[in-house]
PDB file of N, CA and C in Angstrom:
ATOM      1  N   MET A   1       0.776  -1.284   0.069  1.00  0.00           N
ATOM      2  CA  MET A   1      -0.096   0.196   0.062  1.00  0.00           C
ATOM      3  C   MET A   1       0.750   1.227  -0.114  1.00  0.00           C
ATOM      4  N   LYS A   2       0.634   2.214  -0.903  1.00  0.00           N
ATOM      5  CA  LYS A   2       1.349   3.382  -0.995  1.00  0.00           C
ATOM      6  C   LYS A   2       0.655   4.637  -0.286  1.00  0.00           C
ATOM      7  N   VAL A   3       1.272   5.535   0.651  1.00  0.00           N
ATOM      8  CA  VAL A   3       0.278   5.914   1.480  1.00  0.00           C
ATOM      9  C   VAL A   3       1.045   7.725   0.896  1.00  0.00           C
ATOM     10  N   GLN A   4       0.580   8.672   1.058  1.00  0.00           N
ATOM     11  CA  GLN A   4       0.493  10.050   1.274  1.00  0.00           C
ATOM     12  C   GLN A   4       0.207  10.568   2.132  1.00  0.00           C
ATOM     13  N   MET A   5       0.650  11.505   3.277  1.00  0.00           N
ATOM     14  CA  MET A   5      -0.130  12.900   4.733  1.00  0.00           C
ATOM     15  C   MET A   5      -0.774  13.538   3.170  1.00  0.00           C
ATOM     16  N   LEU A   6      -1.810  14.123   3.692  1.00  0.00           N
ATOM     17  CA  LEU A   6      -2.898  14.925   3.641  1.00  0.00           C
ATOM     18  C   LEU A   6      -3.035  15.824   4.050  1.00  0.00           C
ATOM     19  N   ALA A   7      -3.028  15.588   5.547  1.00  0.00           N
ATOM     20  CA  ALA A   7      -2.940  17.013   6.638  1.00  0.00           C
ATOM     21  C   ALA A   7      -3.185  16.854   7.844  1.00  0.00           C
ATOM     22  N   LYS A   8      -2.160  17.408   8.761  1.00  0.00           N
ATOM     23  CA  LYS A   8      -1.926  16.945   9.813  1.00  0.00           C
ATOM     24  C   LYS A   8      -1.781  18.040  10.762  1.00  0.00           C
ATOM     25  N   GLU A   9      -2.038  18.241  12.325  1.00  0.00           N
ATOM     26  CA  GLU A   9      -2.881  18.672  13.045  1.00  0.00           C
ATOM     27  C   GLU A   9      -1.552  20.034  13.876  1.00  0.00           C
ATOM     28  N   CYS A  10       0.008  19.402  13.653  1.00  0.00           N
ATOM     29  CA  CYS A  10       1.523  20.073  14.228  1.00  0.00           C
ATOM     30  C   CYS A  10       2.490  19.576  13.726  1.00  0.00           C
ATOM     31  N   ASP A  11       3.049  20.254  13.320  1.00  0.00           N
ATOM     32  CA  ASP A  11       4.384  19.704  12.558  1.00  0.00           C
ATOM     33  C   ASP A  11       5.682  18.731  12.995  1.00  0.00           C
ATOM     34  N   LYS A  12       4.261  17.868  14.646  1.00  0.00           N
ATOM     35  CA  LYS A  12       5.522  16.919  15.149  1.00  0.00           C
ATOM     36  C   LYS A  12       5.402  15.932  14.183  1.00  0.00           C
ATOM     37  N   LYS A  13       5.874  14.601  14.675  1.00  0.00           N
ATOM     38  CA  LYS A  13       5.874  13.353  14.093  1.00  0.00           C
ATOM     39  C   LYS A  13       4.446  13.040  14.901  1.00  0.00           C
ATOM     40  N   ASP A  14       4.332  13.020  16.030  1.00  0.00           N
ATOM     41  CA  ASP A  14       3.585  11.903  17.265  1.00  0.00           C
ATOM     42  C   ASP A  14       2.171  13.504  16.437  1.00  0.00           C
ATOM     43  N   CYS A  15       0.749  13.150  16.343  1.00  0.00           N
ATOM     44  CA  CYS A  15      -0.366  14.237  16.406  1.00  0.00           C
ATOM     45  C   CYS A  15      -1.065  13.664  15.330  1.00  0.00           C
ATOM     46  N   PRO A  16      -2.520  13.774  15.147  1.00  0.00           N
ATOM     47  CA  PRO A  16      -3.147  13.559  14.478  1.00  0.00           C
ATOM     48  C   PRO A  16      -2.937  13.930  12.705  1.00  0.00           C
ATOM     49  N   THR A  17      -2.960  13.109  12.074  1.00  0.00           N
ATOM     50  CA  THR A  17      -2.757  12.952  10.616  1.00  0.00           C
ATOM     51  C   THR A  17      -3.665  12.315   9.868  1.00  0.00           C
ATOM     52  N   LEU A  18      -3.871  12.579   9.085  1.00  0.00           N
ATOM     53  CA  LEU A  18      -4.762  12.130   7.995  1.00  0.00           C
ATOM     54  C   LEU A  18      -3.800  11.855   6.793  1.00  0.00           C
ATOM     55  N   TYR A  19      -4.217  10.757   6.109  1.00  0.00           N
ATOM     56  CA  TYR A  19      -3.642   9.886   4.908  1.00  0.00           C
ATOM     57  C   TYR A  19      -4.957   9.422   3.827  1.00  0.00           C
ATOM     58  N   ALA A  20      -3.696   9.783   3.115  1.00  0.00           N
ATOM     59  CA  ALA A  20      -4.684   8.686   1.469  1.00  0.00           C
ATOM     60  C   ALA A  20      -4.050   7.937   0.902  1.00  0.00           C
ATOM     61  N   THR A  21      -4.395   6.774   0.751  1.00  0.00           N
ATOM     62  CA  THR A  21      -4.267   5.634   0.419  1.00  0.00           C
ATOM     63  C   THR A  21      -4.170   5.367  -1.076  1.00  0.00           C
ATOM     64  N   ASP A  22      -3.287   4.620  -1.888  1.00  0.00           N
ATOM     65  CA  ASP A  22      -3.303   4.725  -3.350  1.00  0.00           C
ATOM     66  C   ASP A  22      -4.679   3.061  -3.547  1.00  0.00           C
ATOM     67  N   ARG A  23      -5.201   2.872  -2.432  1.00  0.00           N
ATOM     68  CA  ARG A  23      -6.681   2.181  -2.372  1.00  0.00           C
ATOM     69  C   ARG A  23      -8.336   2.650  -2.608  1.00  0.00           C
ATOM     70  N   GLY A  24      -7.826   4.172  -2.039  1.00  0.00           N
ATOM     71  CA  GLY A  24      -8.759   4.974  -2.387  1.00  0.00           C
ATOM     72  C   GLY A  24      -9.377   5.407  -1.112  1.00  0.00           C
ATOM     73  N   THR A  25      -8.561   4.926  -0.548  1.00  0.00           N
ATOM     74  CA  THR A  25      -8.625   5.134   0.733  1.00  0.00           C
ATOM     75  C   THR A  25      -8.232   5.899   1.672  1.00  0.00           C
ATOM     76  N   LEU A  26      -8.591   6.675   3.176  1.00  0.00           N
ATOM     77  CA  LEU A  26      -8.162   6.871   4.149  1.00  0.00           C
ATOM     78  C   LEU A  26      -7.336   6.070   5.410  1.00  0.00           C
ATOM     79  N   LEU A  27      -6.213   6.899   5.890  1.00  0.00           N
ATOM     80  CA  LEU A  27      -5.676   6.458   7.181  1.00  0.00           C
ATOM     81  C   LEU A  27      -5.832   7.609   7.854  1.00  0.00           C
ATOM     82  N   VAL A  28      -6.075   7.505   8.911  1.00  0.00           N
ATOM     83  CA  VAL A  28      -6.407   8.285  10.346  1.00  0.00           C
ATOM     84  C   VAL A  28      -5.369   7.842  11.241  1.00  0.00           C
ATOM     85  N   GLN A  29      -4.390   8.953  11.630  1.00  0.00           N
ATOM     86  CA  GLN A  29      -3.204   8.633  12.847  1.00  0.00           C
ATOM     87  C   GLN A  29      -4.157   9.730  14.048  1.00  0.00           C
ATOM     88  N   GLY A  30      -4.334   9.133  15.347  1.00  0.00           N
ATOM     89  CA  GLY A  30      -4.554   8.995  16.423  1.00  0.00           C
ATOM     90  C   GLY A  30      -4.660   9.291  18.129  1.00  0.00           C
ATOM     91  N   ASP A  31      -5.165   9.845  18.359  1.00  0.00           N
ATOM     92  CA  ASP A  31      -5.739   8.763  20.111  1.00  0.00           C
ATOM     93  C   ASP A  31      -6.707   7.816  19.998  1.00  0.00           C
ATOM     94  N   ARG A  32      -6.286   6.532  20.706  1.00  0.00           N
ATOM     95  CA  ARG A  32      -6.884   5.570  20.523  1.00  0.00           C
ATOM     96  C   ARG A  32      -7.933   5.828  22.010  1.00  0.00           C
ATOM     97  N   PRO A  33      -9.217   6.144  22.350  1.00  0.00           N
ATOM     98  CA  PRO A  33      -9.565   6.730  23.304  1.00  0.00           C
ATOM     99  C   PRO A  33     -10.175   4.931  24.177  1.00  0.00           C
ATOM    100  N   GLU A  34     -10.441   5.036  25.297  1.00  0.00           N
ATOM    101  CA  GLU A  34     -10.541   4.130  26.126  1.00  0.00           C
ATOM    102  C   GLU A  34     -12.163   4.146  26.342  1.00  0.00           C
ATOM    103  N   ASP A  35     -12.616   5.277  26.639  1.00  0.00           N
ATOM    104  CA  ASP A  35     -13.862   5.947  27.218  1.00  0.00           C
ATOM    105  C   ASP A  35     -15.063   5.409  26.078  1.00  0.00           C
ATOM    106  N   HIS A  36     -15.181   5.029  25.223  1.00  0.00           N
ATOM    107  CA  HIS A  36     -15.882   4.897  23.558  1.00  0.00           C
ATOM    108  C   HIS A  36     -17.374   4.812  24.091  1.00  0.00           C
ATOM    109  N   GLY A  37     -17.491   3.651  24.877  1.00  0.00           N
ATOM    110  CA  GLY A  37     -18.354   2.613  25.386  1.00  0.00           C
ATOM    111  C   GLY A  37     -19.077   2.063  23.668  1.00  0.00           C
ATOM    112  N   LEU A  38     -18.476   1.528  22.492  1.00  0.00           N
ATOM    113  CA  LEU A  38     -18.663   1.393  21.285  1.00  0.00           C
ATOM    114  C   LEU A  38     -18.142  -0.139  21.794  1.00  0.00           C
ATOM    115  N   THR A  39     -18.965  -1.240  20.780  1.00  0.00           N
ATOM    116  CA  THR A  39     -18.700  -2.558  20.612  1.00  0.00           C
ATOM    117  C   THR A  39     -18.354  -2.590  19.458  1.00  0.00           C
ATOM    118  N   LEU A  40     -16.943  -3.084  19.619  1.00  0.00           N
ATOM    119  CA  LEU A  40     -16.853  -3.388  18.034  1.00  0.00           C
ATOM    120  C   LEU A  40     -15.995  -4.919  17.932  1.00  0.00           C
ATOM    121  N   PRO A  41     -15.862  -5.113  16.739  1.00  0.00           N
ATOM    122  CA  PRO A  41     -15.364  -6.494  16.152  1.00  0.00           C
ATOM    123  C   PRO A  41     -13.973  -6.408  16.389  1.00  0.00           C
ATOM    124  N   ALA A  42     -13.237  -7.368  17.093  1.00  0.00           N
ATOM    125  CA  ALA A  42     -11.769  -7.579  16.498  1.00  0.00           C
ATOM    126  C   ALA A  42     -11.126  -7.124  15.843  1.00  0.00           C
ATOM    127  N   HIS A  43     -11.391  -6.993  14.951  1.00  0.00           N
ATOM    128  CA  HIS A  43     -10.628  -6.557  14.026  1.00  0.00           C
ATOM    129  C   HIS A  43     -10.881  -5.240  13.196  1.00  0.00           C
ATOM    130  N   GLU A  44     -11.526  -4.337  14.355  1.00  0.00           N
ATOM    131  CA  GLU A  44     -11.700  -3.073  13.569  1.00  0.00           C
ATOM    132  C   GLU A  44     -10.974  -2.219  15.331  1.00  0.00           C
ATOM    133  N   GLY A  45     -11.269  -0.623  15.078  1.00  0.00           N
ATOM    134  CA  GLY A  45     -10.391   0.081  16.217  1.00  0.00           C
ATOM    135  C   GLY A  45     -10.822   1.430  15.854  1.00  0.00           C
ATOM    136  N   VAL A  46     -10.957   1.997  16.902  1.00  0.00           N
ATOM    137  CA  VAL A  46     -11.485   3.542  17.183  1.00  0.00           C
ATOM    138  C   VAL A  46     -10.652   4.714  17.246  1.00  0.00           C
ATOM    139  N   VAL A  47     -10.111   5.537  16.521  1.00  0.00           N
ATOM    140  CA  VAL A  47      -9.469   6.361  16.750  1.00  0.00           C
ATOM    141  C   VAL A  47      -9.825   7.763  17.176  1.00  0.00           C
ATOM    142  N   GLU A  48      -9.570   8.795  17.848  1.00  0.00           N
ATOM    143  CA  GLU A  48     -10.186  10.143  18.166  1.00  0.00           C
ATOM    144  C   GLU A  48      -9.252  11.519  17.138  1.00  0.00           C
ATOM    145  N   ILE A  49      -9.964  12.098  16.658  1.00  0.00           N
ATOM    146  CA  ILE A  49      -9.222  12.991  15.922  1.00  0.00           C
ATOM    147  C   ILE A  49      -9.606  14.772  15.885  1.00  0.00           C
ATOM    148  N   PRO A  50      -9.173  15.767  16.041  1.00  0.00           N
ATOM    149  CA  PRO A  50     -10.051  16.658  16.342  1.00  0.00           C
ATOM    150  C   PRO A  50     -10.870  17.034  14.930  1.00  0.00           C
ATOM    151  N   LEU A  51     -11.722  17.670  14.631  1.00  0.00           N
ATOM    152  CA  LEU A  51     -12.625  18.038  13.108  1.00  0.00           C
ATOM    153  C   LEU A  51     -11.613  18.677  12.544  1.00  0.00           C
ATOM    154  N   SER A  52     -10.551  19.652  13.480  1.00  0.00           N
ATOM    155  CA  SER A  52     -10.095  20.663  12.492  1.00  0.00           C
ATOM    156  C   SER A  52      -9.314  20.091  11.650  1.00  0.00           C
ATOM    157  N   LEU A  53      -9.393  19.037  11.936  1.00  0.00           N
ATOM    158  CA  LEU A  53      -8.095  17.934  10.773  1.00  0.00           C
ATOM    159  C   LEU A  53      -8.543  17.668   9.601  1.00  0.00           C
ATOM    160  N   ILE A  54     -10.080  17.728   9.457  1.00  0.00           N
ATOM    161  CA  ILE A  54     -11.356  17.140   8.366  1.00  0.00           C
ATOM    162  C   ILE A  54     -11.725  18.178   8.117  1.00  0.00           C
ATOM    163  N   LYS A  55     -11.222  19.472   8.609  1.00  0.00           N
ATOM    164  CA  LYS A  55     -11.400  21.171   7.876  1.00  0.00           C
ATOM    165  C   LYS A  55     -10.813  21.574   6.914  1.00  0.00           C
ATOM    166  N   LYS A  56      -9.783  20.895   7.748  1.00  0.00           N
ATOM    167  CA  LYS A  56      -8.170  21.889   6.830  1.00  0.00           C
ATOM    168  C   LYS A  56      -7.986  20.960   6.100  1.00  0.00           C
ATOM    169  N   ALA A  57      -8.132  19.212   5.886  1.00  0.00           N
ATOM    170  CA  ALA A  57      -8.095  18.734   4.691  1.00  0.00           C
ATOM    171  C   ALA A  57      -8.942  19.514   3.410  1.00  0.00           C
ATOM    172  N   ILE A  58     -10.450  19.987   4.362  1.00  0.00           N
ATOM    173  CA  ILE A  58     -11.023  20.202   2.854  1.00  0.00           C
ATOM    174  C   ILE A  58     -10.571  21.610   2.349  1.00  0.00           C
ATOM    175  N   ALA A  59     -10.369  22.256   3.408  1.00  0.00           N
ATOM    176  CA  ALA A  59     -10.270  23.542   3.132  1.00  0.00           C
ATOM    177  C   ALA A  59      -9.129  24.214   1.955  1.00  0.00           C
ATOM    178  N   ASP A  60      -7.744  22.974   1.939  1.00  0.00           N
ATOM    179  CA  ASP A  60      -6.331  22.786   1.501  1.00  0.00           C
ATOM    180  C   ASP A  60      -7.056  21.687   0.109  1.00  0.00           C
ATOM    181  N   GLY A  61      -7.950  21.532  -0.312  1.00  0.00           N
ATOM    182  CA  GLY A  61      -8.677  20.996  -1.737  1.00  0.00           C
ATOM    183  C   GLY A  61      -7.998  19.915  -1.268  1.00  0.00           C
ATOM    184  N   LEU A  62      -7.824  18.722  -0.412  1.00  0.00           N
ATOM    185  CA  LEU A  62      -7.623  17.669  -0.220  1.00  0.00           C
ATOM    186  C   LEU A  62      -8.861  16.411  -0.457  1.00  0.00           C
ATOM    187  N   LEU A  63      -9.750  16.839   0.070  1.00  0.00           N
ATOM    188  CA  LEU A  63     -11.479  16.148   0.555  1.00  0.00           C
ATOM    189  C   LEU A  63     -12.318  16.699  -0.598  1.00  0.00           C
TER     190      LEU A  63
END
């Protein structure tokens, strides 16, 4: 899989980031919340990102 960074929330390596793949999908880097209360299949997970990350990607014409 090829991955291209679209938008990130800071200039550091460890911050919420949005990536595009050559599969036509998105990857999201963010914190793994423990208190979401969701029931997820074993092969899935959730990450928490700021809404501003998506807004930035849209404003930059990336989504």
